[in-house]
N, C-alpha and C. Protein backbone atom coordinates (compact mmCIF):
# COMPACT_ATOMS: atom_id res chain seq x y z
N UNK A 1 34.51 2.21 4.74
CA UNK A 1 32.87 1.59 4.65
C UNK A 1 33.14 1.85 2.98
N UNK A 2 32.32 0.55 2.26
CA UNK A 2 31.80 0.50 0.70
C UNK A 2 30.88 1.58 0.29
N UNK A 3 30.85 2.00 -1.17
CA UNK A 3 29.71 2.77 -1.44
C UNK A 3 28.34 1.54 -1.47
N UNK A 4 27.30 2.70 -0.90
CA UNK A 4 26.03 1.96 -1.13
C UNK A 4 25.32 2.02 -2.51
N UNK A 5 25.69 1.06 -3.59
CA UNK A 5 24.93 0.65 -4.45
C UNK A 5 23.74 0.69 -4.41
N UNK A 6 23.34 -0.50 -3.51
CA UNK A 6 21.79 -0.91 -3.68
C UNK A 6 20.66 -0.17 -3.31
N UNK A 7 21.47 0.95 -2.15
CA UNK A 7 20.77 1.61 -1.12
C UNK A 7 20.32 1.05 -0.19
N UNK A 8 20.90 0.06 0.27
CA UNK A 8 20.55 -0.53 1.58
C UNK A 8 20.86 0.68 2.90
N UNK A 9 21.66 1.36 2.39
CA UNK A 9 22.03 2.64 3.55
C UNK A 9 20.71 3.18 3.96
N UNK A 10 20.07 3.38 3.05
CA UNK A 10 18.66 3.86 3.04
C UNK A 10 17.96 3.23 4.09
N UNK A 11 17.55 1.77 3.67
CA UNK A 11 16.68 0.95 4.27
C UNK A 11 17.22 1.12 5.95
N UNK A 12 18.71 1.20 6.13
CA UNK A 12 18.99 1.17 7.51
C UNK A 12 18.54 2.39 8.12
N UNK A 13 18.68 3.40 7.55
CA UNK A 13 18.59 4.61 8.24
C UNK A 13 16.79 4.66 8.34
N UNK A 14 16.15 4.23 7.54
CA UNK A 14 14.61 4.01 7.78
C UNK A 14 14.59 3.18 8.74
N UNK A 15 15.01 2.06 9.21
CA UNK A 15 15.01 1.39 10.49
C UNK A 15 15.23 1.82 11.67
N UNK A 16 16.09 3.10 11.38
CA UNK A 16 16.93 3.63 12.85
C UNK A 16 15.82 4.70 13.13
N UNK A 17 15.11 5.65 12.01
CA UNK A 17 14.11 6.46 12.07
C UNK A 17 12.83 5.81 12.86
N UNK A 18 12.74 4.64 12.37
CA UNK A 18 11.47 3.88 13.32
C UNK A 18 11.89 3.65 14.51
N UNK A 19 13.03 3.07 14.67
CA UNK A 19 13.05 2.58 16.12
C UNK A 19 13.54 4.03 17.02
N UNK A 20 13.69 5.20 16.44
CA UNK A 20 13.94 6.52 17.40
C UNK A 20 12.48 6.89 17.62
N UNK A 21 11.41 6.47 16.93
CA UNK A 21 9.96 6.73 17.22
C UNK A 21 9.01 5.75 17.92
N UNK A 22 9.67 4.20 17.84
CA UNK A 22 8.90 3.66 18.50
C UNK A 22 9.23 3.36 20.38
N UNK A 23 10.62 3.98 20.31
CA UNK A 23 11.13 3.84 21.50
C UNK A 23 11.43 4.66 22.14
N UNK A 24 10.08 5.58 23.27
CA UNK A 24 10.45 6.52 24.07
C UNK A 24 11.88 6.94 24.80
N UNK A 25 12.03 5.80 25.39
CA UNK A 25 13.34 6.08 26.38
C UNK A 25 14.99 5.82 25.75
N UNK A 26 15.42 6.57 25.73
CA UNK A 26 16.97 6.72 25.43
C UNK A 26 17.74 5.16 25.27
N UNK A 27 17.48 4.32 26.43
CA UNK A 27 18.21 2.88 27.29
C UNK A 27 17.62 1.89 25.63
N UNK A 28 16.15 1.99 25.57
CA UNK A 28 15.31 0.94 24.88
C UNK A 28 15.95 1.03 23.38
N UNK A 29 15.88 2.37 22.67
CA UNK A 29 16.68 2.88 21.98
C UNK A 29 17.74 2.29 21.72
N UNK A 30 18.53 2.70 22.49
CA UNK A 30 19.98 1.89 22.03
C UNK A 30 20.02 0.53 22.04
N UNK A 31 19.57 0.11 22.84
CA UNK A 31 19.45 -1.56 22.79
C UNK A 31 18.92 -1.93 21.17
N UNK A 32 17.63 -1.09 21.13
CA UNK A 32 17.24 -1.74 19.37
C UNK A 32 18.19 -1.27 18.44
N UNK A 33 18.91 -0.28 18.47
CA UNK A 33 20.10 0.01 17.40
C UNK A 33 21.00 -0.64 17.46
N UNK A 34 21.21 -1.42 19.01
CA UNK A 34 22.59 -2.17 19.00
C UNK A 34 22.30 -3.47 18.48
N UNK A 35 21.25 -3.88 18.52
CA UNK A 35 20.58 -5.07 17.91
C UNK A 35 20.30 -5.07 16.62
N UNK A 36 20.37 -3.96 16.09
CA UNK A 36 20.05 -3.33 14.50
C UNK A 36 21.54 -3.88 13.97
N UNK A 37 22.75 -3.18 14.61
CA UNK A 37 24.14 -3.05 14.32
C UNK A 37 24.62 -4.66 14.25
N UNK A 38 24.03 -5.45 15.50
CA UNK A 38 24.21 -6.80 15.26
C UNK A 38 24.07 -7.81 14.17
N UNK A 39 22.61 -7.23 13.76
CA UNK A 39 22.08 -7.95 12.54
C UNK A 39 22.86 -7.30 11.42
N UNK A 40 23.28 -6.23 11.60
CA UNK A 40 24.24 -5.78 10.26
C UNK A 40 25.35 -6.66 9.98
N UNK A 41 26.16 -6.71 11.16
CA UNK A 41 27.95 -7.34 11.37
C UNK A 41 27.32 -8.92 10.61
N UNK A 42 26.41 -9.63 11.21
CA UNK A 42 25.86 -11.02 10.87
C UNK A 42 25.70 -11.38 9.62
N UNK A 43 25.21 -10.31 8.84
CA UNK A 43 24.82 -10.35 7.25
C UNK A 43 22.99 -10.55 7.61
N UNK A 44 22.53 -10.98 8.72
CA UNK A 44 20.96 -10.97 8.55
C UNK A 44 20.19 -9.99 8.03
N UNK A 45 20.71 -8.39 8.47
CA UNK A 45 20.37 -7.17 7.91
C UNK A 45 20.19 -7.27 6.49
N UNK A 46 21.40 -7.56 6.06
CA UNK A 46 21.88 -7.51 4.39
C UNK A 46 20.46 -8.46 4.03
N UNK A 47 20.35 -9.69 4.54
CA UNK A 47 19.29 -10.71 3.79
C UNK A 47 17.95 -10.00 3.72
N UNK A 48 17.76 -9.44 4.59
CA UNK A 48 16.47 -9.00 4.44
C UNK A 48 16.24 -7.31 3.84
N UNK A 49 17.25 -6.82 3.67
CA UNK A 49 17.53 -5.46 2.62
C UNK A 49 17.34 -6.19 1.13
N UNK A 50 17.82 -6.96 0.93
CA UNK A 50 17.96 -7.99 -0.31
C UNK A 50 16.27 -8.22 -0.67
N UNK A 51 15.83 -8.77 0.17
CA UNK A 51 14.51 -8.99 0.10
C UNK A 51 13.75 -8.04 -0.14
N UNK A 52 13.70 -7.03 0.72
CA UNK A 52 12.74 -5.57 0.46
C UNK A 52 13.55 -5.08 -1.11
N UNK A 53 14.75 -5.05 -1.29
CA UNK A 53 14.79 -4.75 -2.82
C UNK A 53 14.01 -5.77 -3.75
N UNK A 54 14.13 -7.26 -3.54
CA UNK A 54 13.45 -7.79 -4.63
C UNK A 54 11.59 -7.03 -4.55
N UNK A 55 11.11 -6.53 -3.35
CA UNK A 55 9.89 -6.63 -3.23
C UNK A 55 9.53 -5.16 -3.87
N UNK A 56 10.29 -4.26 -3.64
CA UNK A 56 10.21 -2.87 -4.62
C UNK A 56 10.46 -2.89 -5.48
N UNK A 57 11.33 -3.97 -6.55
CA UNK A 57 11.23 -4.06 -7.83
C UNK A 57 10.16 -4.49 -8.39
N UNK A 58 9.61 -5.31 -7.71
CA UNK A 58 8.22 -5.69 -7.87
C UNK A 58 6.95 -4.55 -8.19
N UNK A 59 7.08 -4.03 -7.18
CA UNK A 59 6.18 -2.93 -7.02
C UNK A 59 6.25 -1.97 -7.81
N UNK A 60 7.54 -1.92 -8.62
CA UNK A 60 7.96 -0.62 -9.30
C UNK A 60 7.57 -1.20 -10.59
N UNK A 61 7.46 -2.89 -11.04
CA UNK A 61 7.68 -3.11 -12.11
C UNK A 61 6.39 -2.30 -13.23
N UNK A 62 6.72 -1.95 -14.72
CA UNK A 62 6.07 -1.64 -15.43
C UNK A 62 4.99 -2.72 -15.79
N UNK A 63 5.05 -3.87 -15.95
CA UNK A 63 4.00 -5.10 -16.02
C UNK A 63 2.80 -5.24 -14.91
N UNK A 64 1.99 -4.76 -15.48
CA UNK A 64 0.60 -4.87 -14.08
C UNK A 64 0.39 -6.27 -13.22
N UNK A 65 0.73 -6.99 -14.41
CA UNK A 65 0.58 -8.38 -13.62
C UNK A 65 1.75 -8.92 -12.24
N UNK A 66 2.67 -8.08 -12.58
CA UNK A 66 3.88 -8.23 -11.29
C UNK A 66 3.71 -7.13 -10.54
N UNK A 67 3.32 -5.89 -10.76
CA UNK A 67 3.00 -4.84 -9.76
C UNK A 67 1.72 -5.14 -8.93
N UNK A 68 0.98 -5.81 -9.67
CA UNK A 68 -0.34 -5.72 -8.98
C UNK A 68 -0.39 -7.31 -8.18
N UNK A 69 0.33 -8.15 -8.33
CA UNK A 69 -0.08 -9.56 -7.74
C UNK A 69 0.14 -9.66 -6.21
N UNK A 70 0.74 -8.79 -5.71
CA UNK A 70 0.55 -8.80 -4.19
C UNK A 70 -0.50 -8.35 -3.51
N UNK A 71 -0.90 -7.26 -3.97
CA UNK A 71 -2.15 -6.45 -3.63
C UNK A 71 -3.50 -7.42 -3.81
N UNK A 72 -3.24 -7.87 -4.59
CA UNK A 72 -4.58 -8.55 -5.71
C UNK A 72 -4.60 -9.75 -4.64
N UNK A 73 -3.45 -10.53 -4.24
CA UNK A 73 -3.46 -11.27 -3.25
C UNK A 73 -4.17 -11.21 -1.71
N UNK A 74 -4.04 -10.07 -1.43
CA UNK A 74 -4.39 -9.45 -0.16
C UNK A 74 -5.84 -9.08 -0.17
N UNK A 75 -6.46 -8.45 -1.32
CA UNK A 75 -7.75 -8.47 -1.55
C UNK A 75 -8.48 -9.56 -1.40
N UNK A 76 -8.07 -10.63 -2.02
CA UNK A 76 -8.59 -12.02 -1.88
C UNK A 76 -8.71 -12.33 -0.55
N UNK A 77 -8.30 -12.26 0.49
CA UNK A 77 -8.14 -12.42 1.98
C UNK A 77 -8.99 -11.00 2.47
N UNK A 78 -9.09 -10.29 2.20
CA UNK A 78 -10.13 -9.33 2.78
C UNK A 78 -11.26 -9.54 2.44
N UNK A 79 -11.56 -10.18 1.26
CA UNK A 79 -13.08 -10.28 0.84
C UNK A 79 -13.50 -11.60 1.78
N UNK A 80 -12.56 -12.40 1.72
CA UNK A 80 -12.78 -13.74 3.19
C UNK A 80 -13.30 -13.09 4.21
N UNK A 81 -12.75 -12.01 4.80
CA UNK A 81 -12.82 -11.47 6.01
C UNK A 81 -14.12 -10.87 5.86
N UNK A 82 -14.57 -10.25 4.96
CA UNK A 82 -15.78 -9.79 4.81
C UNK A 82 -16.59 -10.45 4.56
N UNK A 83 -16.55 -11.91 4.16
CA UNK A 83 -17.85 -12.61 4.11
C UNK A 83 -18.38 -13.00 5.09
N UNK A 84 -17.49 -12.59 6.58
CA UNK A 84 -18.33 -13.05 7.70
C UNK A 84 -19.26 -12.36 7.58
N UNK A 85 -19.50 -11.22 7.73
CA UNK A 85 -20.94 -10.49 7.87
C UNK A 85 -22.06 -11.13 7.04
N UNK A 86 -22.21 -11.48 5.98
CA UNK A 86 -23.11 -12.45 5.46
C UNK A 86 -23.46 -13.83 5.99
N UNK A 87 -22.63 -14.27 6.43
CA UNK A 87 -22.30 -15.60 7.42
C UNK A 87 -23.36 -15.29 8.55
N UNK A 88 -23.06 -14.19 9.16
CA UNK A 88 -23.53 -14.03 10.55
C UNK A 88 -24.97 -13.69 10.38
N UNK A 89 -25.42 -13.06 9.16
CA UNK A 89 -26.92 -12.97 9.05
C UNK A 89 -27.47 -14.27 9.23
N UNK A 90 -26.77 -15.32 7.85
CA UNK A 90 -27.31 -16.59 7.63
C UNK A 90 -27.33 -17.12 9.08
N UNK A 91 -26.55 -17.08 9.85
CA UNK A 91 -26.84 -17.94 11.25
C UNK A 91 -27.66 -17.38 12.31
N UNK A 92 -28.08 -16.58 11.78
CA UNK A 92 -29.06 -15.83 12.60
C UNK A 92 -30.68 -16.60 12.03
N UNK A 93 -30.49 -16.88 10.84
CA UNK A 93 -31.92 -17.36 10.23
C UNK A 93 -31.68 -18.73 10.34
N UNK A 94 -30.86 -19.64 9.57
CA UNK A 94 -30.27 -20.82 9.20
C UNK A 94 -28.89 -20.98 9.83
N UNK A 95 -29.17 -21.40 11.19
CA UNK A 95 -28.02 -21.68 11.57
C UNK A 95 -27.21 -23.15 11.08
N UNK A 96 -27.98 -24.20 10.94
CA UNK A 96 -27.71 -25.28 10.30
C UNK A 96 -26.73 -25.19 9.34
N UNK A 97 -27.58 -24.28 8.21
CA UNK A 97 -26.59 -24.10 6.80
C UNK A 97 -25.46 -23.08 6.94
N UNK A 98 -25.66 -22.14 8.00
CA UNK A 98 -24.38 -21.36 8.08
C UNK A 98 -22.99 -22.36 8.82
N UNK A 99 -23.71 -23.25 9.75
CA UNK A 99 -22.31 -24.45 10.44
C UNK A 99 -21.84 -24.97 9.18
N UNK A 100 -22.64 -25.79 8.41
CA UNK A 100 -22.25 -26.25 6.99
C UNK A 100 -21.28 -25.91 6.29
N UNK A 101 -21.62 -24.54 6.09
CA UNK A 101 -20.73 -23.70 5.08
C UNK A 101 -19.46 -23.61 5.80
N UNK A 102 -19.77 -22.56 7.38
CA UNK A 102 -18.40 -22.95 7.70
C UNK A 102 -17.49 -24.27 8.12
N UNK A 103 -18.34 -24.92 8.40
CA UNK A 103 -17.36 -26.25 8.45
C UNK A 103 -16.75 -26.77 7.12
N UNK A 104 -17.29 -26.44 6.33
CA UNK A 104 -16.88 -27.11 4.93
C UNK A 104 -15.69 -26.06 4.55
N UNK A 105 -15.99 -24.92 4.68
CA UNK A 105 -15.09 -23.68 4.53
C UNK A 105 -13.20 -24.00 5.31
N UNK A 106 -13.88 -24.00 6.57
CA UNK A 106 -12.51 -24.57 7.51
C UNK A 106 -11.91 -25.57 6.98
N UNK A 107 -12.45 -26.74 6.60
CA UNK A 107 -11.79 -28.03 6.25
C UNK A 107 -10.75 -27.49 4.88
N UNK A 108 -11.96 -26.93 4.03
CA UNK A 108 -11.13 -26.19 2.81
C UNK A 108 -9.39 -25.89 2.99
N UNK A 109 -9.77 -24.66 4.29
CA UNK A 109 -8.34 -24.26 4.65
C UNK A 109 -7.18 -24.83 5.47
N UNK A 110 -7.98 -25.73 5.99
CA UNK A 110 -7.03 -26.45 6.48
C UNK A 110 -6.22 -27.73 6.05
N UNK A 111 -6.63 -27.51 4.52
CA UNK A 111 -6.05 -28.53 3.55
C UNK A 111 -5.13 -28.03 2.95
N UNK A 112 -4.84 -26.53 3.03
CA UNK A 112 -3.93 -26.03 2.71
C UNK A 112 -2.25 -26.25 3.48
N UNK A 113 -1.65 -26.26 2.92
CA UNK A 113 0.06 -26.85 3.43
C UNK A 113 0.05 -25.45 4.28
N UNK A 114 0.80 -25.46 5.27
CA UNK A 114 1.36 -24.66 6.51
C UNK A 114 2.26 -23.63 5.70
N UNK A 115 3.39 -23.91 4.82
CA UNK A 115 3.93 -23.01 4.20
C UNK A 115 3.20 -21.97 3.33
N UNK A 116 1.99 -22.50 2.81
CA UNK A 116 1.37 -21.52 2.30
C UNK A 116 0.91 -20.25 2.71
N UNK A 117 0.61 -20.51 4.08
CA UNK A 117 0.17 -19.64 4.90
C UNK A 117 1.63 -18.78 5.50
N UNK A 118 2.26 -19.23 5.77
CA UNK A 118 3.70 -18.40 5.99
C UNK A 118 4.21 -17.57 4.72
N UNK A 119 4.05 -18.14 3.48
CA UNK A 119 4.25 -17.41 2.33
C UNK A 119 3.42 -16.35 2.48
N UNK A 120 1.95 -16.57 2.43
CA UNK A 120 0.93 -14.84 2.70
C UNK A 120 1.63 -13.86 3.40
N UNK A 121 1.97 -14.78 5.09
CA UNK A 121 2.21 -13.86 5.92
C UNK A 121 3.53 -12.96 5.75
N UNK A 122 4.62 -13.68 5.12
CA UNK A 122 5.80 -12.93 4.50
C UNK A 122 5.38 -11.84 3.36
N UNK A 123 4.55 -12.29 2.38
CA UNK A 123 4.24 -11.54 1.29
C UNK A 123 3.59 -10.22 1.69
N UNK A 124 2.55 -10.64 2.76
CA UNK A 124 1.90 -9.04 3.15
C UNK A 124 2.62 -8.35 4.21
N UNK A 125 3.67 -8.88 5.14
CA UNK A 125 4.46 -7.97 5.78
C UNK A 125 5.27 -7.60 4.70
N UNK A 126 5.83 -7.89 3.68
CA UNK A 126 6.97 -7.46 2.90
C UNK A 126 6.28 -6.57 1.72
N UNK A 127 4.81 -6.58 1.82
CA UNK A 127 4.37 -5.46 0.44
C UNK A 127 4.15 -4.23 1.62
N UNK A 128 3.45 -4.61 2.62
CA UNK A 128 3.17 -3.49 3.53
C UNK A 128 4.27 -2.63 3.89
N UNK A 129 5.50 -3.28 4.31
CA UNK A 129 6.89 -2.69 4.73
C UNK A 129 7.25 -1.79 3.20
N UNK A 130 7.15 -2.38 2.42
CA UNK A 130 8.04 -1.74 1.24
C UNK A 130 6.59 -0.39 0.94
N UNK A 131 5.48 -0.70 0.92
CA UNK A 131 4.82 0.18 0.71
C UNK A 131 5.26 1.75 1.80
N UNK A 132 5.26 1.13 2.98
CA UNK A 132 5.54 2.26 3.71
C UNK A 132 6.79 2.82 3.55
N UNK A 133 7.85 1.99 3.10
CA UNK A 133 9.42 2.64 2.74
C UNK A 133 9.07 3.37 1.73
N UNK A 134 8.26 3.43 0.70
CA UNK A 134 8.28 4.07 -0.47
C UNK A 134 7.67 5.34 -0.39
N UNK A 135 6.39 5.08 0.62
CA UNK A 135 5.41 6.47 0.75
C UNK A 135 6.60 7.39 1.58
N UNK A 136 7.45 6.98 2.52
CA UNK A 136 8.16 7.81 3.05
C UNK A 136 9.27 8.16 2.17
N UNK A 137 9.67 7.23 1.35
CA UNK A 137 10.79 7.52 0.63
C UNK A 137 10.36 8.75 -0.26
N UNK A 138 8.90 9.40 -0.62
CA UNK A 138 8.26 10.51 -1.70
C UNK A 138 8.02 11.36 -0.93
N UNK A 139 7.96 11.14 0.32
CA UNK A 139 7.23 12.59 0.92
C UNK A 139 8.52 13.41 1.47
N UNK A 140 9.82 12.62 1.38
CA UNK A 140 10.98 13.36 2.05
C UNK A 140 11.29 14.37 0.69
């Protein structure tokens, strides 16, 4: 085997540790590890590892615009979700206004391309995965 220059072996070890914790019985655990090895052989795991290294590089950047972009994007979505609380109160007193606001907001969200939603999902999952990996690495 070659030298692990980029630290991809550490990512594979982290995934292996997660598999050990998620699957309680040995048979399921062995199947999951076998699938991970298959991904390694086909190059899919390498692709995922490269994406993770890019996310980690962004998170560790000294530039505040780069390192805070992904969390800021998530905060915007948190605010949108929390906006449901006052909308519930508005609906209790003025249902017609709440309905019009909700319909307008729904139309605005539906106007966004589907690719943008996939990008958000990938960014959100990548960020949380990178943060979990980073925290685990710090705790070692």
